[in-house]
C-alpha atoms as a PDB file:
ATOM      1  CA  UNK A   1     -19.327  63.320  32.288  1.00  0.00           C
ATOM      2  CA  UNK A   2     -17.929  59.751  31.892  1.00  0.00           C
ATOM      3  CA  UNK A   3     -17.030  58.966  28.316  1.00  0.00           C
ATOM      4  CA  UNK A   4     -18.382  55.804  26.870  1.00  0.00           C
ATOM      5  CA  UNK A   5     -15.883  53.294  25.416  1.00  0.00           C
ATOM      6  CA  UNK A   6     -16.401  52.579  21.875  1.00  0.00           C
ATOM      7  CA  UNK A   7     -18.505  49.372  21.320  1.00  0.00           C
ATOM      8  CA  UNK A   8     -17.971  48.755  17.533  1.00  0.00           C
ATOM      9  CA  UNK A   9     -14.931  47.827  15.742  1.00  0.00           C
ATOM     10  CA  UNK A  10     -13.958  49.408  12.382  1.00  0.00           C
ATOM     11  CA  UNK A  11     -13.289  47.213   9.250  1.00  0.00           C
ATOM     12  CA  UNK A  12      -9.483  47.003   9.856  1.00  0.00           C
ATOM     13  CA  UNK A  13     -10.006  45.685  13.368  1.00  0.00           C
ATOM     14  CA  UNK A  14     -12.703  43.255  12.259  1.00  0.00           C
ATOM     15  CA  UNK A  15     -10.318  41.940   9.669  1.00  0.00           C
ATOM     16  CA  UNK A  16      -7.475  41.603  12.128  1.00  0.00           C
ATOM     17  CA  UNK A  17      -9.778  39.713  14.765  1.00  0.00           C
ATOM     18  CA  UNK A  18     -11.119  37.313  11.916  1.00  0.00           C
ATOM     19  CA  UNK A  19      -7.523  36.592  10.933  1.00  0.00           C
ATOM     20  CA  UNK A  20      -6.426  35.966  14.639  1.00  0.00           C
ATOM     21  CA  UNK A  21      -9.531  33.706  15.133  1.00  0.00           C
ATOM     22  CA  UNK A  22      -8.711  31.782  12.045  1.00  0.00           C
ATOM     23  CA  UNK A  23      -5.121  31.359  12.820  1.00  0.00           C
ATOM     24  CA  UNK A  24      -5.927  30.161  16.411  1.00  0.00           C
ATOM     25  CA  UNK A  25      -8.688  27.746  15.295  1.00  0.00           C
ATOM     26  CA  UNK A  26      -6.265  26.343  12.513  1.00  0.00           C
ATOM     27  CA  UNK A  27      -3.665  25.877  15.236  1.00  0.00           C
ATOM     28  CA  UNK A  28      -6.166  24.059  17.445  1.00  0.00           C
ATOM     29  CA  UNK A  29      -7.424  21.770  14.744  1.00  0.00           C
ATOM     30  CA  UNK A  30      -3.681  20.982  13.722  1.00  0.00           C
ATOM     31  CA  UNK A  31      -2.891  20.201  17.298  1.00  0.00           C
ATOM     32  CA  UNK A  32      -5.902  17.890  17.570  1.00  0.00           C
ATOM     33  CA  UNK A  33      -5.056  15.993  14.642  1.00  0.00           C
ATOM     34  CA  UNK A  34      -1.310  15.659  15.024  1.00  0.00           C
ATOM     35  CA  UNK A  35      -0.811  15.672  18.710  1.00  0.00           C
ATOM     36  CA  UNK A  36       1.234  12.652  19.718  1.00  0.00           C
ATOM     37  CA  UNK A  37      -0.805  11.042  22.646  1.00  0.00           C
ATOM     38  CA  UNK A  38      -4.144  12.912  22.280  1.00  0.00           C
ATOM     39  CA  UNK A  39      -4.747  13.615  18.658  1.00  0.00           C
ATOM     40  CA  UNK A  40      -7.254  12.176  16.278  1.00  0.00           C
ATOM     41  CA  UNK A  41      -4.560   9.877  14.730  1.00  0.00           C
ATOM     42  CA  UNK A  42      -3.719   8.462  18.109  1.00  0.00           C
ATOM     43  CA  UNK A  43      -7.458   8.025  18.868  1.00  0.00           C
ATOM     44  CA  UNK A  44      -7.961   6.154  15.632  1.00  0.00           C
ATOM     45  CA  UNK A  45      -4.958   3.785  16.297  1.00  0.00           C
ATOM     46  CA  UNK A  46      -6.273   3.183  19.898  1.00  0.00           C
ATOM     47  CA  UNK A  47      -9.764   2.497  18.652  1.00  0.00           C
ATOM     48  CA  UNK A  48      -8.502   0.008  15.974  1.00  0.00           C
ATOM     49  CA  UNK A  49      -6.333  -1.708  18.569  1.00  0.00           C
ATOM     50  CA  UNK A  50      -9.307  -1.825  20.943  1.00  0.00           C
ATOM     51  CA  UNK A  51     -11.365  -3.459  18.221  1.00  0.00           C
ATOM     52  CA  UNK A  52      -8.820  -6.121  17.544  1.00  0.00           C
ATOM     53  CA  UNK A  53      -8.432  -6.984  21.299  1.00  0.00           C
ATOM     54  CA  UNK A  54     -12.303  -7.183  21.395  1.00  0.00           C
ATOM     55  CA  UNK A  55     -12.325  -9.736  18.562  1.00  0.00           C
ATOM     56  CA  UNK A  56      -9.388 -11.784  20.160  1.00  0.00           C
ATOM     57  CA  UNK A  57     -11.228 -11.703  23.496  1.00  0.00           C
ATOM     58  CA  UNK A  58     -14.421 -13.144  21.847  1.00  0.00           C
ATOM     59  CA  UNK A  59     -12.304 -15.823  20.028  1.00  0.00           C
ATOM     60  CA  UNK A  60     -10.641 -16.802  23.345  1.00  0.00           C
ATOM     61  CA  UNK A  61     -13.895 -16.958  25.285  1.00  0.00           C
ATOM     62  CA  UNK A  62     -15.272 -19.094  22.482  1.00  0.00           C
ATOM     63  CA  UNK A  63     -12.249 -21.304  22.666  1.00  0.00           C
ATOM     64  CA  UNK A  64     -12.475 -21.427  26.457  1.00  0.00           C
ATOM     65  CA  UNK A  65     -16.129 -22.405  26.434  1.00  0.00           C
ATOM     66  CA  UNK A  66     -15.358 -25.354  24.013  1.00  0.00           C
ATOM     67  CA  UNK A  67     -12.299 -26.657  26.123  1.00  0.00           C
ATOM     68  CA  UNK A  68     -14.640 -26.450  29.111  1.00  0.00           C
ATOM     69  CA  UNK A  69     -17.233 -28.619  27.368  1.00  0.00           C
ATOM     70  CA  UNK A  70     -14.633 -31.044  26.388  1.00  0.00           C
ATOM     71  CA  UNK A  71     -13.222 -31.252  29.975  1.00  0.00           C
ATOM     72  CA  UNK A  72     -16.667 -31.926  31.319  1.00  0.00           C
ATOM     73  CA  UNK A  73     -17.156 -34.707  28.723  1.00  0.00           C
ATOM     74  CA  UNK A  74     -13.785 -36.248  29.525  1.00  0.00           C
ATOM     75  CA  UNK A  75     -14.668 -36.127  33.204  1.00  0.00           C
ATOM     76  CA  UNK A  76     -18.154 -37.715  32.913  1.00  0.00           C
ATOM     77  CA  UNK A  77     -18.038 -39.883  29.684  1.00  0.00           C
ATOM     78  CA  UNK A  78     -15.981 -42.952  30.031  1.00  0.00           C
ATOM     79  CA  UNK A  79     -16.484 -44.010  26.401  1.00  0.00           C
ATOM     80  CA  UNK A  80     -15.223 -40.548  25.061  1.00  0.00           C
ATOM     81  CA  UNK A  81     -12.299 -40.746  27.480  1.00  0.00           C
ATOM     82  CA  UNK A  82     -11.346 -44.240  26.169  1.00  0.00           C
ATOM     83  CA  UNK A  83     -11.777 -42.932  22.553  1.00  0.00           C
ATOM     84  CA  UNK A  84      -9.379 -40.018  23.229  1.00  0.00           C
ATOM     85  CA  UNK A  85      -6.881 -42.325  24.941  1.00  0.00           C
ATOM     86  CA  UNK A  86      -6.944 -44.807  21.963  1.00  0.00           C
ATOM     87  CA  UNK A  87      -6.729 -42.056  19.069  1.00  0.00           C
ATOM     88  CA  UNK A  88      -4.506 -39.451  20.641  1.00  0.00           C
ATOM     89  CA  UNK A  89      -2.247 -41.455  22.761  1.00  0.00           C
ATOM     90  CA  UNK A  90      -2.181 -44.966  21.267  1.00  0.00           C
ATOM     91  CA  UNK A  91      -3.324 -46.662  24.426  1.00  0.00           C
ATOM     92  CA  UNK A  92      -4.475 -50.231  24.330  1.00  0.00           C
ATOM     93  CA  UNK A  93      -6.729 -52.386  26.466  1.00  0.00           C
ATOM     94  CA  UNK A  94      -5.435 -55.228  28.434  1.00  0.00           C
ATOM     95  CA  UNK A  95      -4.312 -58.212  26.308  1.00  0.00           C
ATOM     96  CA  UNK A  96      -4.752 -56.136  23.026  1.00  0.00           C
ATOM     97  CA  UNK A  97      -2.129 -56.037  20.326  1.00  0.00           C
ATOM     98  CA  UNK A  98      -1.655 -53.773  17.292  1.00  0.00           C
ATOM     99  CA  UNK A  99      -0.495 -54.947  14.073  1.00  0.00           C
ATOM    100  CA  UNK A 100       0.960 -52.343  11.495  1.00  0.00           C
ATOM    101  CA  UNK A 101       1.098 -53.388   7.947  1.00  0.00           C
ATOM    102  CA  UNK A 102       2.172 -51.510   4.930  1.00  0.00           C
ATOM    103  CA  UNK A 103       0.302 -51.523   1.721  1.00  0.00           C
ATOM    104  CA  UNK A 104       1.672 -53.893  -1.032  1.00  0.00           C
ATOM    105  CA  UNK A 105       4.159 -52.264  -3.330  1.00  0.00           C
ATOM    106  CA  UNK A 106       2.933 -52.086  -6.847  1.00  0.00           C
ATOM    107  CA  UNK A 107       5.236 -52.773  -9.598  1.00  0.00           C
ATOM    108  CA  UNK A 108       5.419 -50.408 -12.443  1.00  0.00           C
ATOM    109  CA  UNK A 109       4.762 -52.079 -15.842  1.00  0.00           C
ATOM    110  CA  UNK A 110       6.493 -50.103 -18.616  1.00  0.00           C
ATOM    111  CA  UNK A 111       4.823 -52.246 -21.192  1.00  0.00           C
ATOM    112  CA  UNK A 112       8.183 -54.138 -22.075  1.00  0.00           C
END
């Protein structure tokens, strides 16, 4: 007759198995948390960096849209173009002159 293998573990073997499983799972969890390139800390840092990049992209997209609107306005609105030329670049029309005046200097009265 062929002898059957023992299917059940005794108490001592069960405790040893539990300890081994606990140690292995602890090591796996520690590795997942502290691993340099694939750990939980790295994942959080990458996720935070990604979030910042998404915010910056949204801001840059909004700025790009505003600049495109201004470009279209400058290309098609002559009055706006003239206003920009006068305000930003100090340009003048033909036969125009600019006079700079300073405000009058007020004398201080000390009551003497």
